[in-house]
Structure formats: C-alpha cells, structure tokens
Amino acid sequence: MTLEPTTLQLVWFGLIAVLWIGFLVLEGFDFGVGMLIPYLGRNDKERRVLINTIGPVWDGNEVWLLTAGGATFAAFPGWYATLFSALYLPFFLILMALIVRGLAFEYRAKRPEQSWKYRWDRGASIGSFAVPLILGIGFSNFIIGLPVAPAEGRPGVHVFTGGFWSLFHPFALLGGVVLVALCLLHGAIFLALKTRDEVHERAKAFAERIGLGVIGGGAVWLLWSNLAYSTGASGWILMVVAAAGLVLAWFMVRADREGWAFVGTAVATAVIAIGIFLRMYPNLGFDNSAAPDKPLNILSASASEMTLTIMTWAAVIFVPLVLAYQAWSYWVFRRRLSTVNIPDDHPETTPVG
C-alpha cells in the first residue's frame, strides 16, 4: 500500500503525540513526587508538604492521558482497538495503579491515625511507581514494533500475534526502569523548586544523587534505541538534545538553579517522547511483517475525513481554553511551600484538585 496520508491524518497523529508528551512531562513530575512521599517526608507535616506541591495539579495533569486515549479512539479507531486488545492487562494494571494513587491522595486525611496515613502514602508511592514502569515498557515495545496480523474472516481488523511475556524484551525492561528513574529525577527537581527548608535540601540532595544514574541509564537506552531501531539522523539529533537536557538538569540543580534544572528534565522527557513517535510513524508502533500487503498503519487505522474535520474544529475551540486554564492554575499555585505552611491544630484537608 502506498502511504499517502491526508493532512488531517498527519495533524491528528501529531496531536496525539503532543498529548502524550504533555502527559509525560507534567504527570512525570507528579509520579516522581508520589514515589518520594514516604522517603523524603520524615514526618506527617513534611509528607503533607510533598503532597500539597502537586495537590492543585495532579488530577488536571491526568487529563492529558484521558484526552490522548479519547483522541486515539476517535481519530484512529483501528489503532485504538488493536492496541487496547493487545495490551489489555498492562492497561488494566495502569488503571488500577492510577485508582490507588488517586484514592491515596483523597483518603489519607479521612482518619487521624498516623498508621492510616502512612499506608495511603505507601499506596501513592506504589501507584506512582507502577504507571511509569508499565508505560516505559510499553513505549519501548512500540519502538520494537508489536507484531500484528489481519484477523481471519474480519476484514480491516488486526490482532496482536505476540504473547504477554513477549513484551518483556530486555530493551523494554530497560525502558521501564529508565522512565521510572527519569520521573524520580523530574519529581525531585520539582520538589526542590517548590519547597523550602529541610524538604528542599533533601529533594535537592536526592536529585544530585540520582542524576548521574539517570544520565547513564538514559544514555544506554538511547544508544540501544538508535543502533537497533534507528529513525535516521533525526534520532541521533534527538538523542543528543535529550542527553544535553539531562546533563543541564544535573548541573543546574547542583548550582541551586532549580528552574533551569526543571527545564532540562522537561526537555529531555519531551524529546525522548518525540523520538518514540517518530519511530512509530507510519505503522503506529506495530510490526506488519506477517502481512505486509494488509498493514495496520496511519491510513488503514484512520477514521473518516468527516470525523477528523469535526474533531479538528472542536480542538481549535476547546484546546486553547484548556491550556489557558491549566497555565493559570500553575501560576496561581506557584509559591514555595514548607512545614510552616502546614497548621498543627487544624484537621488536615485533602489536596486541592
């Protein structure tokens, strides 16, 4: 099949990539903070400081994931159907982890016992760990290519021909570990940017310690990706930019320039995601070698031109409003926090969301 995608098909593939990039950059530091709650918070007040740094934004950041899923369903139903049937169990685990994480933020304040709060803090940490681990494994498999073939007797339908354990390729496992470590670094830098006093110093020290490990692990994964699954010169350029972002983040956090450090990890995360989606085009992360004459790609998985046109008008109207609101919320809650902002004699409230 000659690949000649329409402009709207290219636009919506790009928009879905942008939604995933937004999710990974914004929710990435949320995951990092969530993982660090039981470890950087030495007492209940300090753990409340950590939670309140992301309290106003964590659930809003998850909207990027929901929108990415909805856009995939509407713009590329063939992609959505094959992907969700192939990865049903991993997506189920992600959903459970997100539920546990959300419940932890909302329910830890419902009872005064410290044991109750600590159990929910551990739940938030486990949920925040599981999601980037699974996503890192999943996106690494998209770089490799999930094997699919046309379903017998169902024209236009493709099925996943691999098994669950085939997803655990060494390259994919490394991708999961690297994404978890990147989220930890991103989250620790965000905490250093948003806090004062002991929590600030502890977060800064943790970011310095883990930074070199993230640079080393990320370099191995990026080199492996480009050597084994290269997208050409663009892949190498993006690798250099991502590595520069991580190095910048490490040096800036050591220099007490947390704002620039956060820019460094955000750029690295975004650039790595761009490289993944470039590798996924035009086959959407699937390996069609079993049936090259009937591939699953941006053409065969697409919705109709009318559907894409309606979606585009809706996006033009509503996306700027959502972006403006989210930018406003970050501006309103921009100040640093410390334990002096946490009252002693008032009931704890749930994070603002």
Protein backbone atom coordinates (compact mmCIF):
# COMPACT_ATOMS: atom_id res chain seq x y z
CA MET A 1 0.00 0.00 0.00
CA THR A 2 1.35 3.39 -0.98
CA LEU A 3 1.43 5.59 2.08
CA GLU A 4 -0.09 8.98 1.28
CA PRO A 5 -1.78 10.19 4.47
CA THR A 6 -4.05 13.18 4.34
CA THR A 7 -3.23 16.41 6.12
CA LEU A 8 -5.80 15.73 8.85
CA GLN A 9 -4.42 12.26 9.47
CA LEU A 10 -0.95 13.77 9.96
CA VAL A 11 -2.38 16.53 12.15
CA TRP A 12 -4.14 14.09 14.45
CA PHE A 13 -1.18 11.76 14.71
CA GLY A 14 0.83 14.82 15.71
CA LEU A 15 -1.82 15.99 18.19
CA ILE A 16 -1.94 12.58 19.87
CA ALA A 17 1.85 12.72 20.16
CA VAL A 18 1.58 16.21 21.72
CA LEU A 19 -0.99 14.95 24.24
CA TRP A 20 1.30 12.11 25.28
CA ILE A 21 4.25 14.49 25.53
CA GLY A 22 2.20 16.81 27.76
CA PHE A 23 1.19 13.88 29.95
CA LEU A 24 4.73 12.54 30.32
CA VAL A 25 6.23 15.95 31.10
CA LEU A 26 3.53 17.14 33.52
CA GLU A 27 2.42 13.90 35.10
CA GLY A 28 6.05 12.75 35.09
CA PHE A 29 6.98 15.04 37.98
CA ASP A 30 3.72 14.04 39.73
CA PHE A 31 4.80 10.41 39.57
CA GLY A 32 8.24 11.35 40.89
CA VAL A 33 6.77 13.26 43.83
CA GLY A 34 4.35 10.42 44.55
CA MET A 35 7.15 7.87 44.66
CA LEU A 36 9.17 10.07 47.03
CA ILE A 37 6.42 10.86 49.57
CA PRO A 38 7.31 8.11 52.11
CA TYR A 39 11.07 8.63 51.70
CA LEU A 40 11.67 12.38 51.59
CA GLY A 41 8.93 13.13 54.12
CA ARG A 42 10.30 12.26 57.56
CA ASN A 43 7.08 13.13 59.40
CA ASP A 44 3.44 13.82 58.62
CA LYS A 45 3.97 17.55 58.14
CA GLU A 46 6.74 17.01 55.61
CA ARG A 47 4.73 14.41 53.74
CA ARG A 48 1.82 16.87 53.59
CA VAL A 49 4.19 19.44 52.10
CA LEU A 50 5.17 16.98 49.38
CA ILE A 51 1.54 16.14 48.60
CA ASN A 52 0.49 19.78 48.57
CA THR A 53 3.13 20.69 45.98
CA ILE A 54 1.17 18.63 43.44
CA GLY A 55 -2.24 18.89 45.11
CA PRO A 56 -3.64 21.60 42.79
CA VAL A 57 -2.42 19.99 39.56
CA TRP A 58 -2.07 16.20 39.73
CA ASP A 59 -5.59 15.31 38.61
CA GLY A 60 -5.52 18.01 35.93
CA ASN A 61 -2.30 16.53 34.57
CA GLU A 62 -4.01 13.15 34.20
CA VAL A 63 -6.50 14.76 31.79
CA TRP A 64 -3.74 14.70 29.16
CA LEU A 65 -3.79 10.88 29.31
CA LEU A 66 -7.58 10.68 29.10
CA THR A 67 -7.62 13.08 26.16
CA ALA A 68 -4.89 11.14 24.38
CA GLY A 69 -6.94 7.94 24.75
CA GLY A 70 -10.12 9.64 23.58
CA ALA A 71 -8.39 11.24 20.60
CA THR A 72 -6.91 7.87 19.58
CA PHE A 73 -10.35 6.25 19.80
CA ALA A 74 -11.98 8.92 17.65
CA ALA A 75 -9.22 9.65 15.12
CA PHE A 76 -7.71 6.17 14.67
CA PRO A 77 -10.23 3.54 15.84
CA GLY A 78 -8.20 0.72 14.28
CA TRP A 79 -5.16 1.77 16.29
CA TYR A 80 -7.20 2.05 19.49
CA ALA A 81 -8.94 -1.31 19.06
CA THR A 82 -5.80 -3.28 18.27
CA LEU A 83 -3.71 -1.57 20.92
CA PHE A 84 -6.19 -1.99 23.77
CA SER A 85 -6.95 -5.61 22.90
CA ALA A 86 -3.24 -6.42 22.62
CA LEU A 87 -2.28 -4.70 25.87
CA TYR A 88 -5.44 -5.26 27.89
CA LEU A 89 -3.63 -6.48 31.02
CA PRO A 90 -0.96 -3.71 31.07
CA PHE A 91 -3.66 -1.05 30.60
CA PHE A 92 -5.70 -2.65 33.37
CA LEU A 93 -2.69 -2.50 35.69
CA ILE A 94 -2.16 1.17 34.80
CA LEU A 95 -5.80 1.88 35.58
CA MET A 96 -5.56 0.13 38.95
CA ALA A 97 -2.37 2.00 39.81
CA LEU A 98 -3.97 5.35 38.94
CA ILE A 99 -7.02 4.48 41.06
CA VAL A 100 -4.88 3.53 44.07
CA ARG A 101 -2.84 6.69 43.64
CA GLY A 102 -5.92 8.93 43.46
CA LEU A 103 -7.53 7.25 46.45
CA ALA A 104 -4.34 7.69 48.44
CA PHE A 105 -4.33 11.45 47.91
CA GLU A 106 -8.01 11.77 48.78
CA TYR A 107 -8.34 9.28 51.65
CA ARG A 108 -5.18 9.79 53.72
CA ALA A 109 -6.84 12.69 55.56
CA LYS A 110 -10.04 10.83 56.44
CA ARG A 111 -8.66 9.41 59.69
CA PRO A 112 -6.16 10.90 62.18
CA GLU A 113 -4.09 7.76 62.85
CA GLN A 114 -0.53 8.01 61.50
CA SER A 115 -0.58 4.33 60.50
CA TRP A 116 -3.62 5.01 58.30
CA LYS A 117 -1.89 7.96 56.62
CA TYR A 118 1.36 6.09 56.12
CA ARG A 119 -0.40 3.16 54.44
CA TRP A 120 -2.02 5.54 51.96
CA ASP A 121 1.32 7.26 51.39
CA ARG A 122 2.82 3.89 50.51
CA GLY A 123 -0.13 3.28 48.19
CA ALA A 124 0.54 6.61 46.44
CA SER A 125 4.19 5.65 46.09
CA ILE A 126 3.44 2.20 44.64
CA GLY A 127 0.84 3.58 42.22
CA SER A 128 3.19 6.34 41.11
CA PHE A 129 5.91 3.73 40.51
CA ALA A 130 3.80 1.24 38.59
CA VAL A 131 2.47 3.62 35.93
CA PRO A 132 5.81 4.89 34.52
CA LEU A 133 7.29 1.39 34.76
CA ILE A 134 4.49 -0.07 32.61
CA LEU A 135 4.46 2.90 30.23
CA GLY A 136 8.22 2.69 29.77
CA ILE A 137 7.96 -1.00 28.90
CA GLY A 138 5.02 -0.28 26.59
CA PHE A 139 6.59 2.59 24.65
CA SER A 140 9.81 0.59 24.25
CA ASN A 141 7.73 -2.18 22.67
CA PHE A 142 6.24 0.36 20.27
CA ILE A 143 9.78 1.18 19.15
CA ILE A 144 10.45 -2.53 18.58
CA GLY A 145 7.03 -2.98 16.93
CA LEU A 146 4.13 -5.06 18.29
CA PRO A 147 3.55 -7.99 15.88
CA VAL A 148 0.06 -7.91 14.32
CA ALA A 149 -1.74 -9.70 11.51
CA PRO A 150 -5.17 -9.40 9.86
CA ALA A 151 -7.92 -11.31 11.66
CA GLU A 152 -9.37 -14.17 9.64
CA GLY A 153 -12.89 -13.51 8.44
CA ARG A 154 -12.92 -9.91 9.75
CA PRO A 155 -11.79 -7.51 7.03
CA GLY A 156 -9.95 -4.46 8.31
CA VAL A 157 -9.42 -5.97 11.77
CA HIS A 158 -5.92 -6.70 13.07
CA VAL A 159 -4.94 -8.83 16.06
CA PHE A 160 -1.84 -8.99 18.21
CA THR A 161 0.11 -12.16 17.44
CA GLY A 162 2.58 -11.99 20.32
CA GLY A 163 2.10 -13.10 23.91
CA PHE A 164 2.14 -11.27 27.23
CA TRP A 165 5.65 -12.42 28.10
CA SER A 166 6.96 -11.30 24.71
CA LEU A 167 6.54 -7.73 25.94
CA PHE A 168 9.38 -8.20 28.44
CA HIS A 169 12.22 -7.73 25.98
CA PRO A 170 15.46 -6.59 27.69
CA PHE A 171 15.26 -3.30 25.78
CA ALA A 172 11.69 -2.80 27.01
CA LEU A 173 12.58 -3.62 30.61
CA LEU A 174 15.40 -1.10 30.49
CA GLY A 175 12.94 1.45 29.08
CA GLY A 176 10.65 0.90 32.06
CA VAL A 177 13.49 1.36 34.56
CA VAL A 178 14.78 4.47 32.78
CA LEU A 179 11.34 6.11 32.73
CA VAL A 180 10.89 5.44 36.46
CA ALA A 181 14.32 6.94 37.18
CA LEU A 182 13.61 9.95 34.93
CA CYS A 183 10.33 10.58 36.77
CA LEU A 184 12.16 10.39 40.10
CA LEU A 185 14.69 12.97 38.94
CA HIS A 186 11.97 15.17 37.41
CA GLY A 187 9.91 14.95 40.61
CA ALA A 188 12.84 15.62 42.94
CA ILE A 189 13.77 18.73 40.96
CA PHE A 190 10.14 19.88 41.06
CA LEU A 191 10.17 19.45 44.85
CA ALA A 192 13.41 21.42 45.11
CA LEU A 193 11.74 24.13 43.03
CA LYS A 194 8.53 24.18 45.07
CA THR A 195 9.71 23.76 48.67
CA ARG A 196 11.90 25.43 51.30
CA ASP A 197 13.95 24.38 54.32
CA GLU A 198 14.57 20.69 55.10
CA VAL A 199 12.35 19.24 52.39
CA HIS A 200 14.05 21.45 49.80
CA GLU A 201 17.53 20.35 50.86
CA ARG A 202 16.54 16.70 50.95
CA ALA A 203 14.96 16.85 47.48
CA LYS A 204 17.98 18.67 46.06
CA ALA A 205 20.38 16.10 47.53
CA PHE A 206 18.30 13.23 46.13
CA ALA A 207 18.24 14.83 42.66
CA GLU A 208 22.03 15.18 42.73
CA ARG A 209 22.45 11.53 43.70
CA ILE A 210 20.07 10.05 41.15
CA GLY A 211 21.01 12.44 38.34
CA LEU A 212 24.15 10.63 37.26
CA GLY A 213 22.32 7.30 37.26
CA VAL A 214 19.58 8.73 35.03
CA ILE A 215 22.18 10.16 32.64
CA GLY A 216 23.98 6.82 32.43
CA GLY A 217 20.86 4.65 32.11
CA GLY A 218 19.26 7.06 29.66
CA ALA A 219 22.41 7.08 27.52
CA VAL A 220 22.43 3.27 27.31
CA TRP A 221 18.72 3.15 26.36
CA LEU A 222 19.04 5.94 23.78
CA LEU A 223 22.12 4.38 22.18
CA TRP A 224 20.44 0.96 22.07
CA SER A 225 17.34 2.55 20.53
CA ASN A 226 19.27 4.34 17.80
CA LEU A 227 21.62 1.47 17.00
CA ALA A 228 18.94 -1.22 16.84
CA TYR A 229 15.83 0.73 15.80
CA SER A 230 17.21 3.88 14.20
CA THR A 231 15.00 6.56 12.64
CA GLY A 232 17.97 8.08 10.84
CA ALA A 233 19.73 11.36 11.56
CA SER A 234 16.74 12.73 13.45
CA GLY A 235 17.06 10.00 16.07
CA TRP A 236 20.69 10.85 16.77
CA ILE A 237 19.96 14.57 16.94
CA LEU A 238 17.14 13.99 19.43
CA MET A 239 19.40 11.71 21.46
CA VAL A 240 21.99 14.47 21.78
CA VAL A 241 19.33 17.01 22.80
CA ALA A 242 17.87 14.62 25.40
CA ALA A 243 21.31 13.89 26.84
CA ALA A 244 22.08 17.62 26.96
CA GLY A 245 18.82 18.23 28.84
CA LEU A 246 19.69 15.64 31.48
CA VAL A 247 23.24 16.97 31.89
CA LEU A 248 21.88 20.52 32.15
CA ALA A 249 19.42 19.40 34.83
CA TRP A 250 22.12 17.77 36.93
CA PHE A 251 24.48 20.76 36.76
CA MET A 252 21.71 23.29 37.40
CA VAL A 253 20.33 21.50 40.46
CA ARG A 254 23.86 21.43 41.90
CA ALA A 255 24.08 25.17 41.25
CA ASP A 256 20.75 25.84 43.04
CA ARG A 257 19.09 26.80 39.76
CA GLU A 258 16.08 24.54 40.12
CA GLY A 259 14.06 26.35 37.45
CA TRP A 260 16.62 25.62 34.75
CA ALA A 261 17.07 22.09 36.10
CA PHE A 262 13.33 21.50 35.70
CA VAL A 263 13.52 22.84 32.13
CA GLY A 264 16.32 20.34 31.47
CA THR A 265 14.34 17.26 32.59
CA ALA A 266 11.20 18.54 30.84
CA VAL A 267 13.08 18.98 27.56
CA ALA A 268 14.70 15.54 27.89
CA THR A 269 11.33 13.88 28.54
CA ALA A 270 9.66 15.71 25.64
CA VAL A 271 12.47 14.97 23.19
CA ILE A 272 12.55 11.27 24.08
CA ALA A 273 8.78 11.10 23.52
CA ILE A 274 9.15 12.85 20.14
CA GLY A 275 11.73 10.25 19.13
CA ILE A 276 9.38 7.43 20.10
CA PHE A 277 6.53 8.81 17.99
CA LEU A 278 8.85 9.36 15.03
CA ARG A 279 9.76 5.68 15.29
CA MET A 280 6.05 4.77 15.48
CA TYR A 281 5.21 6.58 12.23
CA PRO A 282 3.63 5.41 9.93
CA ASN A 283 2.88 1.96 11.40
CA LEU A 284 1.69 3.28 14.79
CA GLY A 285 4.10 1.09 16.73
CA PHE A 286 3.09 -2.17 15.02
CA ASP A 287 5.14 -4.74 13.12
CA ASN A 288 3.27 -5.70 9.93
CA SER A 289 5.84 -8.17 8.63
CA ALA A 290 3.33 -11.06 8.95
CA ALA A 291 1.07 -9.43 6.35
CA PRO A 292 2.85 -6.58 4.55
CA ASP A 293 0.09 -6.40 1.92
CA LYS A 294 -2.53 -5.56 4.59
CA PRO A 295 -0.70 -3.37 7.08
CA LEU A 296 -2.09 -1.60 10.11
CA ASN A 297 -0.89 1.97 9.76
CA ILE A 298 -1.96 5.59 9.79
CA LEU A 299 -4.10 5.03 6.67
CA SER A 300 -5.86 1.78 7.49
CA ALA A 301 -6.49 2.70 11.15
CA SER A 302 -7.90 6.16 10.46
CA ALA A 303 -11.43 7.44 10.94
CA SER A 304 -13.23 9.13 8.07
CA GLU A 305 -12.22 12.56 6.80
CA MET A 306 -15.52 13.99 8.06
CA THR A 307 -14.85 12.72 11.58
CA LEU A 308 -11.35 14.19 11.56
CA THR A 309 -12.71 17.51 10.31
CA ILE A 310 -15.29 17.75 13.12
CA MET A 311 -12.66 16.79 15.69
CA THR A 312 -10.30 19.44 14.35
CA TRP A 313 -12.87 22.23 14.77
CA ALA A 314 -13.61 21.03 18.32
CA ALA A 315 -9.89 21.00 19.12
CA VAL A 316 -9.39 24.50 17.72
CA ILE A 317 -12.11 25.82 20.03
CA PHE A 318 -11.50 23.92 23.27
CA VAL A 319 -7.77 23.12 23.43
CA PRO A 320 -6.69 26.78 23.88
CA LEU A 321 -9.23 27.14 26.71
CA VAL A 322 -7.89 24.05 28.49
CA LEU A 323 -4.29 25.18 28.06
CA ALA A 324 -5.11 28.66 29.36
CA TYR A 325 -6.85 27.25 32.43
CA GLN A 326 -4.01 24.88 33.22
CA ALA A 327 -1.41 27.63 32.80
CA TRP A 328 -3.46 29.84 35.12
CA SER A 329 -3.63 27.12 37.78
CA TYR A 330 0.16 26.69 37.73
CA TRP A 331 0.59 30.46 38.05
CA VAL A 332 -1.81 30.74 41.00
CA PHE A 333 -0.06 27.93 42.92
CA ARG A 334 3.49 28.95 42.02
CA ARG A 335 4.80 29.75 45.52
CA ARG A 336 7.16 27.55 47.51
CA LEU A 337 5.90 25.55 50.49
CA SER A 338 7.42 24.41 53.78
CA THR A 339 6.24 22.92 57.05
CA VAL A 340 5.45 26.42 58.36
CA ASN A 341 2.56 26.48 55.88
CA ILE A 342 1.06 23.34 57.45
CA PRO A 343 -1.04 24.07 60.57
CA ASP A 344 -0.71 21.96 63.72
CA ASP A 345 -4.12 22.37 65.23
CA HIS A 346 -6.42 22.10 62.22
CA PRO A 347 -7.71 18.96 60.56
CA GLU A 348 -5.76 18.03 57.52
CA THR A 349 -7.57 18.57 54.25
CA THR A 350 -7.26 16.63 51.04
CA PRO A 351 -5.08 18.05 48.26
CA VAL A 352 -6.70 20.72 46.17
CA GLY A 353 -7.69 19.22 42.85
